[in-house]
């Protein structure tokens, strides 16, 4: 509210201090409003513009040699002076890529019209000398059918008291369900990979084949399958905890509760995963620290996550926390978006980009953990030292409540944990593998809106875990689920350990390498 004229101080110095204080508040509010508008309407990309580094030339305390050093990297497309763009050769047939060779070919032979079958000059019948061949990708609509299982019954005509014997029932995912295994898996993949809510799948079944299956029936079957999948994710948890390196992140999900609050309860899905390894989602009704603490009980190794305080209790004893550079970088990107003419965040972003350039070099060269650690010690460690010095310098020149001040405070608060990645070659620079696994959940909840109950959340999380692990390992989820889920309810937990996606993939790799096996 504006200050009443009668309440203004008469002392000129006090009045000046009041005006300066109000100017700072207005500036901070303008920053906040701009950031909110960018978040809602602006681009989501964090990539720097080619011309943005030109702002560094006017930044106090930055030498021209430093600008040249930061921008003159081999293969770097960004430069201080704009480079002329090279014209790319135009593709005369954009999108004309060969169609997949593994798909079956269905040939359609089109004969010439009768008038084309005779020579227009002499009238003699012409002969076929070849074909003009073209290919198009086509599809057949899904074919629904009723699977009728008839088990043979046998009895002895001379020994009626001996009884009747029937052929064994084939293993099924849900033996008492009227939905066959193929349809069940199609529903799972449709909802948790295609993000189609059950009411929409129910409507599609009616529209495509006049099949009436209520949403309640579909939901009941999916929850039952999720309960089975929990046995596999328990075995996957043991694989993950034994690996010595875990990335963690969390995302909110709405949950319906019996209490008449007028809105959904905000629960959380915690993701625990390893790059190129298993992914496990753990459903919790709150974001409290008990969830991570219980899941990671018995784990010894390195935990990479953001600065969420719920993980603070884990940063001692057998667990060593490592921070995420992507979260640090993102806050400086926000500061640059708020003040696009300010060169200070750009200088920090350029140093962070150098760290990612070194990581790309390690990936391109296929370095193992030991070689990557050595590369980081030689090249990344000096850049990290320069980056910390730069952040400390900028922190002294900005307001603590500004976007730049908050970015500096967050980075310095995470710095000790961030530097630990230099000592472990198997650890990534950021948590992006984990964040990429959570993105489908964020997309899906916009469609299916919420989880039906607390009990359902604990059964749905294993389905998401298996599907995301299959995606990360490059496994065909449909083939995997059709192989391991039928008869799973009859297996002992000791047998289930061999059915995790990683173990299943190991068993199939020799078969792919030797087709005759």
Protein backbone atom coordinates (compact mmCIF):
# COMPACT_ATOMS: atom_id res chain seq x y z
CA UNK A 1 0.00 0.00 0.00
CA UNK A 2 1.31 3.53 -0.72
CA UNK A 3 2.64 5.42 2.28
CA UNK A 4 0.38 8.27 3.43
CA UNK A 5 1.91 11.72 2.95
CA UNK A 6 1.52 12.48 6.64
CA UNK A 7 3.61 9.42 7.56
CA UNK A 8 6.58 10.34 5.35
CA UNK A 9 9.69 11.21 7.35
CA UNK A 10 10.71 14.86 7.38
CA UNK A 11 14.42 14.10 7.59
CA UNK A 12 15.89 14.17 4.02
CA UNK A 13 18.27 11.28 4.74
CA UNK A 14 15.50 9.08 6.12
CA UNK A 15 13.29 10.00 3.18
CA UNK A 16 16.07 9.09 0.78
CA UNK A 17 16.54 5.71 2.47
CA UNK A 18 12.80 5.05 2.25
CA UNK A 19 12.76 5.84 -1.47
CA UNK A 20 15.76 3.58 -2.10
CA UNK A 21 14.08 0.79 -0.14
CA UNK A 22 10.90 1.13 -2.18
CA UNK A 23 12.91 1.14 -5.41
CA UNK A 24 14.57 -2.14 -4.40
CA UNK A 25 11.18 -3.69 -3.61
CA UNK A 26 9.76 -2.56 -6.94
CA UNK A 27 12.79 -3.96 -8.77
CA UNK A 28 12.45 -7.32 -7.04
CA UNK A 29 8.73 -7.44 -7.76
CA UNK A 30 9.38 -6.63 -11.41
CA UNK A 31 11.90 -9.48 -11.56
CA UNK A 32 9.38 -11.87 -10.04
CA UNK A 33 6.59 -10.79 -12.39
CA UNK A 34 8.86 -11.12 -15.41
CA UNK A 35 10.00 -14.58 -14.36
CA UNK A 36 6.41 -15.72 -13.84
CA UNK A 37 5.40 -14.42 -17.27
CA UNK A 38 8.39 -16.12 -18.90
CA UNK A 39 7.56 -19.35 -17.11
CA UNK A 40 3.97 -19.24 -18.37
CA UNK A 41 4.34 -17.78 -21.85
CA UNK A 42 8.04 -17.89 -22.71
CA UNK A 43 10.25 -20.51 -24.28
CA UNK A 44 11.34 -23.41 -22.09
CA UNK A 45 14.75 -23.71 -23.74
CA UNK A 46 17.82 -22.85 -21.68
CA UNK A 47 20.09 -22.56 -24.71
CA UNK A 48 22.04 -19.32 -25.00
CA UNK A 49 21.56 -17.03 -27.97
CA UNK A 50 24.56 -16.62 -30.28
CA UNK A 51 24.70 -12.86 -29.64
CA UNK A 52 24.37 -12.97 -25.88
CA UNK A 53 28.09 -13.28 -25.23
CA UNK A 54 28.60 -9.87 -26.78
CA UNK A 55 27.28 -8.48 -23.48
CA UNK A 56 30.39 -9.79 -21.73
CA UNK A 57 32.51 -7.17 -23.44
CA UNK A 58 30.93 -4.41 -21.34
CA UNK A 59 31.04 -6.28 -18.04
CA UNK A 60 33.28 -4.69 -15.40
CA UNK A 61 36.12 -6.92 -14.20
CA UNK A 62 36.15 -9.18 -17.27
CA UNK A 63 39.26 -8.99 -19.40
CA UNK A 64 39.20 -9.27 -23.16
CA UNK A 65 41.48 -12.30 -23.01
CA UNK A 66 38.99 -14.08 -20.77
CA UNK A 67 36.23 -13.48 -23.28
CA UNK A 68 38.39 -14.83 -26.07
CA UNK A 69 39.35 -17.89 -24.02
CA UNK A 70 35.74 -18.70 -23.14
CA UNK A 71 34.47 -18.35 -26.67
CA UNK A 72 37.31 -19.78 -28.79
CA UNK A 73 36.66 -23.50 -28.22
CA UNK A 74 37.06 -25.93 -31.05
CA UNK A 75 33.73 -26.80 -32.58
CA UNK A 76 31.88 -24.19 -30.54
CA UNK A 77 29.19 -22.51 -32.60
CA UNK A 78 28.92 -19.47 -30.36
CA UNK A 79 31.27 -16.52 -30.76
CA UNK A 80 31.49 -12.92 -29.70
CA UNK A 81 31.12 -11.62 -33.23
CA UNK A 82 28.29 -13.15 -35.24
CA UNK A 83 29.52 -15.53 -37.90
CA UNK A 84 27.97 -15.70 -41.33
CA UNK A 85 25.63 -18.63 -41.58
CA UNK A 86 26.47 -21.31 -44.05
CA UNK A 87 23.66 -22.24 -46.36
CA UNK A 88 22.74 -25.87 -46.01
CA UNK A 89 22.08 -27.79 -49.22
CA UNK A 90 18.38 -28.07 -49.71
CA UNK A 91 16.93 -31.54 -49.49
CA UNK A 92 14.85 -32.06 -52.63
CA UNK A 93 12.78 -34.73 -50.91
CA UNK A 94 12.49 -33.94 -47.19
CA UNK A 95 11.36 -36.89 -45.12
CA UNK A 96 12.17 -39.45 -47.82
CA UNK A 97 14.00 -41.90 -45.63
CA UNK A 98 13.98 -45.65 -46.30
CA UNK A 99 11.11 -47.41 -44.61
CA UNK A 100 12.08 -49.93 -41.87
CA UNK A 101 13.53 -53.08 -43.42
CA UNK A 102 12.23 -55.35 -40.63
CA UNK A 103 8.57 -54.69 -41.49
CA UNK A 104 6.83 -57.29 -43.69
CA UNK A 105 6.08 -56.24 -47.25
CA UNK A 106 2.56 -56.72 -48.58
CA UNK A 107 2.68 -56.47 -52.35
CA UNK A 108 -0.09 -55.03 -54.47
CA UNK A 109 0.41 -55.69 -58.19
CA UNK A 110 -1.52 -53.34 -60.46
CA UNK A 111 -2.00 -54.58 -64.03
CA UNK A 112 -2.05 -52.28 -67.02
CA UNK A 113 -5.36 -51.34 -68.57
CA UNK A 114 -6.42 -53.43 -71.65
CA UNK A 115 -5.57 -50.62 -74.05
CA UNK A 116 -2.05 -50.55 -72.56
CA UNK A 117 -1.51 -54.26 -73.23
CA UNK A 118 -1.14 -53.81 -77.01
CA UNK A 119 1.43 -51.89 -78.94
CA UNK A 120 0.08 -48.58 -80.16
CA UNK A 121 2.04 -48.91 -83.43
CA UNK A 122 1.72 -52.54 -84.62
CA UNK A 123 -1.14 -53.79 -82.45
CA UNK A 124 0.78 -56.80 -81.06
CA UNK A 125 0.36 -57.84 -77.39
CA UNK A 126 3.01 -56.36 -75.15
CA UNK A 127 4.87 -58.30 -72.46
CA UNK A 128 5.71 -57.42 -68.88
CA UNK A 129 9.34 -56.24 -68.62
CA UNK A 130 9.34 -55.10 -64.97
CA UNK A 131 7.50 -53.06 -62.38
CA UNK A 132 7.56 -49.49 -61.14
CA UNK A 133 7.99 -50.02 -57.38
CA UNK A 134 7.05 -47.58 -54.62
CA UNK A 135 6.65 -48.11 -50.87
CA UNK A 136 4.30 -46.51 -48.34
CA UNK A 137 3.98 -47.15 -44.63
CA UNK A 138 0.51 -48.54 -43.85
CA UNK A 139 -1.38 -49.86 -40.85
CA UNK A 140 -4.21 -52.22 -40.07
CA UNK A 141 -6.63 -51.27 -37.26
CA UNK A 142 -6.35 -53.32 -34.08
CA UNK A 143 -8.25 -56.59 -34.40
CA UNK A 144 -10.16 -57.57 -31.28
CA UNK A 145 -11.30 -61.13 -30.81
CA UNK A 146 -12.47 -63.50 -28.09
CA UNK A 147 -9.90 -66.11 -27.15
CA UNK A 148 -11.68 -69.40 -26.48
CA UNK A 149 -9.57 -71.83 -24.45
CA UNK A 150 -10.75 -75.43 -24.78
CA UNK A 151 -8.85 -77.85 -22.56
CA UNK A 152 -9.04 -81.46 -23.52
CA UNK A 153 -10.60 -83.85 -20.98
CA UNK A 154 -9.78 -87.56 -20.98
CA UNK A 155 -11.23 -90.55 -19.14
CA UNK A 156 -10.89 -94.31 -19.36
CA UNK A 157 -13.97 -96.11 -20.66
CA UNK A 158 -13.15 -99.31 -18.74
CA UNK A 159 -12.21 -97.58 -15.46
CA UNK A 160 -14.92 -95.05 -14.70
CA UNK A 161 -13.75 -94.76 -11.09
CA UNK A 162 -10.30 -93.61 -12.18
CA UNK A 163 -11.57 -90.07 -12.76
CA UNK A 164 -11.17 -87.44 -15.48
CA UNK A 165 -7.96 -85.69 -16.47
CA UNK A 166 -7.87 -82.26 -18.08
CA UNK A 167 -5.09 -80.48 -19.93
CA UNK A 168 -3.34 -77.86 -17.74
CA UNK A 169 -4.53 -74.29 -17.91
CA UNK A 170 -1.96 -72.04 -19.62
CA UNK A 171 -0.35 -69.44 -17.39
CA UNK A 172 -2.13 -66.08 -17.40
CA UNK A 173 -1.48 -62.70 -15.81
CA UNK A 174 -4.86 -62.59 -14.05
CA UNK A 175 -6.34 -66.11 -14.18
CA UNK A 176 -9.88 -65.00 -13.21
CA UNK A 177 -10.06 -61.91 -15.39
CA UNK A 178 -12.11 -61.80 -18.58
CA UNK A 179 -9.33 -59.73 -20.17
CA UNK A 180 -6.57 -61.69 -21.87
CA UNK A 181 -2.87 -60.95 -21.37
CA UNK A 182 -2.45 -59.04 -24.62
CA UNK A 183 -5.30 -56.64 -23.87
CA UNK A 184 -4.13 -56.08 -20.29
CA UNK A 185 -0.65 -55.09 -21.45
CA UNK A 186 -2.14 -52.90 -24.16
CA UNK A 187 -4.10 -51.03 -21.48
CA UNK A 188 -0.99 -50.59 -19.31
CA UNK A 189 1.12 -49.25 -22.14
CA UNK A 190 -1.71 -47.05 -23.37
CA UNK A 191 -2.12 -45.35 -20.00
CA UNK A 192 1.41 -45.15 -18.62
CA UNK A 193 3.36 -44.74 -21.84
CA UNK A 194 0.78 -43.30 -24.21
CA UNK A 195 -0.80 -41.25 -21.37
CA UNK A 196 -4.35 -42.25 -22.36
CA UNK A 197 -6.70 -42.19 -19.34
CA UNK A 198 -8.93 -45.22 -18.89
CA UNK A 199 -12.14 -43.40 -19.71
CA UNK A 200 -10.67 -42.52 -23.10
CA UNK A 201 -9.49 -46.08 -23.73
CA UNK A 202 -12.95 -47.32 -22.79
CA UNK A 203 -14.50 -44.91 -25.30
CA UNK A 204 -12.05 -45.99 -28.01
CA UNK A 205 -12.93 -49.67 -27.47
CA UNK A 206 -16.59 -48.84 -28.00
CA UNK A 207 -15.98 -46.62 -31.01
CA UNK A 208 -13.57 -49.03 -32.75
CA UNK A 209 -15.16 -52.42 -32.05
CA UNK A 210 -18.39 -51.86 -30.08
CA UNK A 211 -16.75 -53.41 -27.00
CA UNK A 212 -18.28 -52.22 -23.76
CA UNK A 213 -15.80 -52.26 -20.87
CA UNK A 214 -16.43 -49.86 -18.04
CA UNK A 215 -13.71 -47.69 -16.59
CA UNK A 216 -14.17 -49.46 -13.24
CA UNK A 217 -13.43 -52.83 -14.88
CA UNK A 218 -10.31 -51.51 -16.57
CA UNK A 219 -9.11 -49.83 -13.37
CA UNK A 220 -9.66 -52.96 -11.28
CA UNK A 221 -7.60 -55.05 -13.69
CA UNK A 222 -4.74 -52.53 -13.93
CA UNK A 223 -4.45 -52.27 -10.14
CA UNK A 224 -4.37 -56.08 -9.92
CA UNK A 225 -1.52 -56.21 -12.45
CA UNK A 226 0.31 -53.49 -10.53
CA UNK A 227 0.13 -55.58 -7.38
CA UNK A 228 1.85 -58.42 -9.25
CA UNK A 229 4.53 -56.08 -10.60
CA UNK A 230 5.42 -55.11 -7.04
CA UNK A 231 7.21 -58.43 -6.63
CA UNK A 232 9.55 -57.56 -9.53
CA UNK A 233 10.24 -54.02 -8.32
CA UNK A 234 11.21 -55.38 -4.91
CA UNK A 235 13.88 -57.44 -6.65
CA UNK A 236 14.84 -54.40 -8.74
CA UNK A 237 15.35 -52.42 -5.53
CA UNK A 238 17.98 -54.91 -4.40
CA UNK A 239 19.75 -54.51 -7.76
CA UNK A 240 19.66 -50.75 -7.44
CA UNK A 241 20.93 -50.60 -3.85
CA UNK A 242 23.81 -52.93 -4.71
CA UNK A 243 25.08 -50.65 -7.48
CA UNK A 244 26.76 -47.99 -5.34
CA UNK A 245 25.36 -45.01 -7.31
CA UNK A 246 21.77 -43.75 -7.33
CA UNK A 247 20.09 -40.66 -8.74
CA UNK A 248 16.93 -39.41 -7.03
CA UNK A 249 14.18 -36.92 -7.78
CA UNK A 250 10.49 -36.49 -7.00
CA UNK A 251 7.34 -35.08 -8.57
CA UNK A 252 3.88 -34.35 -7.14
CA UNK A 253 0.78 -36.35 -8.10
CA UNK A 254 -2.82 -35.79 -7.09
CA UNK A 255 -4.55 -38.51 -5.05
CA UNK A 256 -8.22 -38.83 -4.21
CA UNK A 257 -8.88 -39.27 -0.49
CA UNK A 258 -12.04 -39.98 1.53
CA UNK A 259 -11.80 -36.64 3.35
CA UNK A 260 -14.17 -34.04 1.81
CA UNK A 261 -11.51 -31.35 1.35
CA UNK A 262 -12.78 -30.23 -2.05
CA UNK A 263 -9.47 -30.96 -3.75
CA UNK A 264 -7.04 -33.81 -4.30
CA UNK A 265 -4.35 -34.62 -1.79
CA UNK A 266 -0.84 -33.85 -3.07
CA UNK A 267 1.24 -36.99 -2.89
CA UNK A 268 4.66 -37.63 -4.44
CA UNK A 269 6.35 -40.14 -6.71
CA UNK A 270 10.02 -40.48 -5.79
CA UNK A 271 12.23 -41.83 -8.55
CA UNK A 272 15.40 -43.75 -7.72
CA UNK A 273 17.46 -44.87 -10.69
CA UNK A 274 20.87 -45.43 -12.16
CA UNK A 275 21.91 -44.19 -15.62
CA UNK A 276 21.49 -47.06 -18.08
CA UNK A 277 20.10 -49.16 -15.24
CA UNK A 278 16.93 -49.88 -13.25
CA UNK A 279 14.34 -47.22 -12.46
CA UNK A 280 12.05 -47.49 -9.44
CA UNK A 281 9.17 -45.18 -8.54
CA UNK A 282 8.22 -45.07 -4.87
CA UNK A 283 4.77 -43.67 -4.02
CA UNK A 284 4.54 -41.56 -0.86
CA UNK A 285 1.63 -39.53 0.51
CA UNK A 286 4.01 -36.70 1.52
CA UNK A 287 7.36 -35.24 0.58
CA UNK A 288 8.78 -35.95 4.03
CA UNK A 289 12.25 -37.32 4.61
CA UNK A 290 10.91 -40.67 5.85
CA UNK A 291 10.26 -41.79 2.26
CA UNK A 292 13.87 -41.51 1.01
CA UNK A 293 15.20 -42.71 4.36
CA UNK A 294 13.16 -45.93 4.27
CA UNK A 295 13.77 -46.67 0.60
CA UNK A 296 17.54 -46.16 0.83
CA UNK A 297 17.97 -48.10 4.07
CA UNK A 298 20.99 -50.36 3.63
CA UNK A 299 22.41 -48.41 0.69
CA UNK A 300 26.12 -47.62 0.63
CA UNK A 301 27.45 -45.29 -2.04
CA UNK A 302 26.74 -42.01 -3.76
CA UNK A 303 23.32 -40.36 -4.01
CA UNK A 304 22.91 -37.62 -6.62
CA UNK A 305 19.93 -35.30 -6.17
CA UNK A 306 18.94 -31.65 -6.01
CA UNK A 307 19.06 -29.42 -2.94
CA UNK A 308 15.77 -30.64 -1.42
CA UNK A 309 16.17 -30.70 2.37
CA UNK A 310 14.44 -34.07 2.65
CA UNK A 311 17.70 -35.73 1.59
CA UNK A 312 19.85 -33.89 4.14
CA UNK A 313 19.72 -36.64 6.76
CA UNK A 314 21.22 -39.05 4.22
CA UNK A 315 24.44 -37.07 3.76
CA UNK A 316 26.41 -38.90 6.39
CA UNK A 317 27.72 -42.37 7.14
CA UNK A 318 27.57 -44.76 4.21
CA UNK A 319 25.78 -42.33 1.86
CA UNK A 320 27.54 -39.39 0.20
CA UNK A 321 25.34 -36.83 -1.53
CA UNK A 322 26.36 -35.28 -4.84
CA UNK A 323 24.67 -32.19 -6.21
CA UNK A 324 23.28 -31.61 -9.69
CA UNK A 325 24.82 -29.04 -12.03
CA UNK A 326 21.61 -28.82 -14.10
CA UNK A 327 19.75 -27.37 -11.09
CA UNK A 328 22.55 -24.87 -10.48
CA UNK A 329 22.59 -23.88 -14.14
CA UNK A 330 18.81 -23.54 -14.32
CA UNK A 331 18.76 -20.82 -11.66
CA UNK A 332 21.34 -18.77 -13.54
CA UNK A 333 19.25 -19.25 -16.69
CA UNK A 334 16.30 -17.79 -14.79
CA UNK A 335 18.47 -14.85 -13.76
CA UNK A 336 19.45 -14.29 -17.39
CA UNK A 337 15.82 -14.43 -18.52
CA UNK A 338 14.82 -11.85 -15.92
CA UNK A 339 17.60 -9.48 -17.00
CA UNK A 340 18.58 -10.40 -20.58
CA UNK A 341 20.90 -7.38 -20.86
CA UNK A 342 22.86 -8.31 -17.73
CA UNK A 343 26.17 -10.00 -18.71
CA UNK A 344 26.84 -11.45 -15.25
CA UNK A 345 24.79 -14.67 -15.50
CA UNK A 346 26.11 -15.21 -19.03
CA UNK A 347 29.70 -15.41 -17.83
CA UNK A 348 28.76 -18.09 -15.31
CA UNK A 349 26.72 -20.00 -17.88
CA UNK A 350 29.70 -20.03 -20.23
CA UNK A 351 31.90 -21.67 -17.59
CA UNK A 352 29.19 -24.26 -16.90
CA UNK A 353 29.01 -24.91 -20.63
CA UNK A 354 32.73 -25.68 -20.59
CA UNK A 355 32.09 -28.40 -17.99
CA UNK A 356 29.45 -29.97 -20.21
CA UNK A 357 31.81 -29.80 -23.18
CA UNK A 358 34.32 -31.92 -21.25
CA UNK A 359 31.59 -34.45 -20.38
CA UNK A 360 30.66 -34.68 -24.06
CA UNK A 361 34.30 -35.28 -24.91
CA UNK A 362 34.39 -38.17 -22.43
CA UNK A 363 31.24 -39.71 -23.94
CA UNK A 364 32.46 -39.33 -27.51
CA UNK A 365 35.73 -41.05 -26.61
CA UNK A 366 33.94 -43.84 -24.72
CA UNK A 367 36.02 -43.30 -21.56
CA UNK A 368 35.50 -45.62 -18.62
CA UNK A 369 35.04 -44.35 -15.05
CA UNK A 370 38.76 -44.24 -14.28
CA UNK A 371 39.67 -42.35 -17.47
CA UNK A 372 36.76 -39.94 -17.02
CA UNK A 373 37.89 -39.17 -13.47
CA UNK A 374 41.38 -38.39 -14.73
CA UNK A 375 39.98 -36.13 -17.47
CA UNK A 376 37.90 -34.26 -14.89
CA UNK A 377 40.89 -33.78 -12.61
CA UNK A 378 42.93 -32.34 -15.46
CA UNK A 379 40.33 -30.15 -17.18
CA UNK A 380 37.14 -29.80 -15.11
CA UNK A 381 38.73 -29.09 -11.71
CA UNK A 382 40.36 -25.79 -12.83
CA UNK A 383 37.08 -24.65 -14.38
CA UNK A 384 35.19 -25.49 -11.19
CA UNK A 385 37.66 -23.34 -9.23
CA UNK A 386 37.16 -20.42 -11.64
CA UNK A 387 33.40 -20.90 -11.51
CA UNK A 388 33.30 -20.73 -7.71
CA UNK A 389 35.45 -17.61 -7.72
CA UNK A 390 33.17 -16.02 -10.29
CA UNK A 391 30.03 -16.82 -8.30
CA UNK A 392 31.54 -15.42 -5.10
CA UNK A 393 32.48 -12.26 -6.97
CA UNK A 394 29.02 -11.78 -8.45
CA UNK A 395 27.32 -12.55 -5.13
CA UNK A 396 28.88 -9.43 -3.63
CA UNK A 397 27.47 -7.21 -6.38
CA UNK A 398 23.80 -8.24 -6.43
CA UNK A 399 20.84 -8.06 -4.08
CA UNK A 400 20.33 -11.23 -2.02
CA UNK A 401 16.63 -11.40 -2.94
CA UNK A 402 17.22 -10.92 -6.68
CA UNK A 403 17.16 -13.83 -9.11
CA UNK A 404 20.93 -13.58 -9.52
CA UNK A 405 21.45 -13.43 -5.75
CA UNK A 406 19.27 -16.52 -5.21
CA UNK A 407 21.13 -18.38 -7.97
CA UNK A 408 24.48 -17.58 -6.35
CA UNK A 409 23.26 -18.59 -2.89
CA UNK A 410 21.89 -21.89 -4.19
CA UNK A 411 25.12 -22.68 -6.06
CA UNK A 412 27.35 -21.86 -3.08
CA UNK A 413 25.10 -23.89 -0.77
CA UNK A 414 25.50 -26.92 -3.03
CA UNK A 415 29.14 -26.37 -3.92
CA UNK A 416 30.78 -28.84 -1.53
CA UNK A 417 28.48 -31.59 -2.76
CA UNK A 418 28.90 -30.52 -6.38
CA UNK A 419 32.69 -30.78 -6.26
CA UNK A 420 32.43 -34.44 -5.26
CA UNK A 421 31.60 -35.45 -8.82
CA UNK A 422 35.24 -34.74 -9.70
CA UNK A 423 36.33 -37.66 -7.53
CA UNK A 424 34.02 -40.31 -9.02
CA UNK A 425 34.19 -41.13 -12.70
CA UNK A 426 30.98 -43.16 -12.70
CA UNK A 427 28.96 -40.19 -11.41
CA UNK A 428 27.27 -37.87 -13.90
CA UNK A 429 27.59 -34.08 -13.90
CA UNK A 430 23.84 -33.70 -13.46
CA UNK A 431 20.68 -35.53 -12.59
CA UNK A 432 19.14 -35.33 -16.06
CA UNK A 433 18.79 -39.10 -16.54
CA UNK A 434 16.53 -39.13 -13.50
CA UNK A 435 14.61 -36.04 -14.59
CA UNK A 436 14.02 -37.57 -18.03
CA UNK A 437 12.39 -40.54 -16.31
CA UNK A 438 10.03 -38.26 -14.40
CA UNK A 439 8.92 -36.20 -17.40
CA UNK A 440 6.46 -38.87 -18.65
CA UNK A 441 4.77 -38.76 -15.24
CA UNK A 442 4.38 -35.00 -15.49
CA UNK A 443 2.88 -35.39 -18.95
CA UNK A 444 0.64 -38.26 -17.94
CA UNK A 445 -0.91 -36.59 -14.92
CA UNK A 446 -2.20 -33.80 -17.17
CA UNK A 447 -4.31 -36.47 -18.86
CA UNK A 448 -5.28 -38.89 -16.12
CA UNK A 449 -5.34 -36.02 -13.55
CA UNK A 450 -5.02 -38.04 -10.34
CA UNK A 451 -4.61 -41.44 -8.71
CA UNK A 452 -7.80 -42.99 -7.36
CA UNK A 453 -6.60 -43.78 -3.84
CA UNK A 454 -3.57 -44.17 -1.60
CA UNK A 455 -3.70 -47.96 -2.04
CA UNK A 456 -3.80 -47.61 -5.83
CA UNK A 457 -0.73 -45.35 -5.83
CA UNK A 458 1.44 -48.04 -4.27
CA UNK A 459 0.32 -50.51 -6.96
CA UNK A 460 0.61 -48.17 -9.94
CA UNK A 461 4.19 -47.16 -9.12
CA UNK A 462 5.59 -50.65 -9.98
CA UNK A 463 3.96 -50.49 -13.44
CA UNK A 464 5.64 -47.15 -14.11
CA UNK A 465 8.92 -48.57 -12.83
CA UNK A 466 8.91 -51.49 -15.26
CA UNK A 467 7.88 -49.41 -18.27
CA UNK A 468 10.49 -46.72 -17.62
CA UNK A 469 13.22 -49.32 -17.01
CA UNK A 470 12.35 -51.01 -20.30
CA UNK A 471 12.54 -47.67 -22.10
CA UNK A 472 15.90 -46.83 -20.57
CA UNK A 473 17.37 -50.26 -21.39
CA UNK A 474 15.95 -50.32 -24.92
CA UNK A 475 13.69 -53.30 -24.19
CA UNK A 476 10.40 -53.84 -25.99
CA UNK A 477 8.03 -53.46 -23.03
CA UNK A 478 5.29 -55.55 -24.64
CA UNK A 479 7.62 -58.52 -25.23
CA UNK A 480 9.02 -58.27 -21.71
CA UNK A 481 5.68 -58.07 -19.93
CA UNK A 482 4.15 -60.88 -21.99
CA UNK A 483 7.10 -63.06 -21.02
CA UNK A 484 7.36 -62.42 -17.27
CA UNK A 485 3.87 -61.54 -16.04
CA UNK A 486 1.90 -64.72 -16.93
CA UNK A 487 2.13 -67.10 -13.98
CA UNK A 488 4.00 -64.55 -11.84
CA UNK A 489 1.58 -65.01 -8.94
CA UNK A 490 2.65 -68.68 -8.66
CA UNK A 491 6.39 -67.97 -8.44
CA UNK A 492 8.51 -67.70 -5.31
CA UNK A 493 10.33 -64.46 -4.58
CA UNK A 494 13.63 -66.25 -5.20
CA UNK A 495 12.54 -66.93 -8.78
CA UNK A 496 11.36 -63.36 -9.32
CA UNK A 497 14.93 -62.03 -8.97
CA UNK A 498 15.69 -63.51 -12.41
CA UNK A 499 12.72 -61.70 -14.00
CA UNK A 500 13.88 -58.10 -13.60
CA UNK A 501 14.40 -56.20 -16.88
CA UNK A 502 18.19 -56.21 -16.50
CA UNK A 503 18.34 -59.99 -15.92
CA UNK A 504 15.81 -60.64 -18.68
CA UNK A 505 17.89 -58.60 -21.10
CA UNK A 506 21.09 -60.47 -20.16
CA UNK A 507 19.45 -63.81 -20.91
CA UNK A 508 18.27 -62.65 -24.33
CA UNK A 509 21.51 -61.02 -25.48
CA UNK A 510 23.29 -64.32 -26.33
CA UNK A 511 20.21 -65.43 -28.29
CA UNK A 512 20.34 -62.25 -30.39
CA UNK A 513 24.05 -62.65 -31.01
CA UNK A 514 23.62 -66.29 -32.11
CA UNK A 515 20.33 -66.71 -34.03
CA UNK A 516 20.88 -70.47 -34.38
CA UNK A 517 21.01 -70.95 -30.61
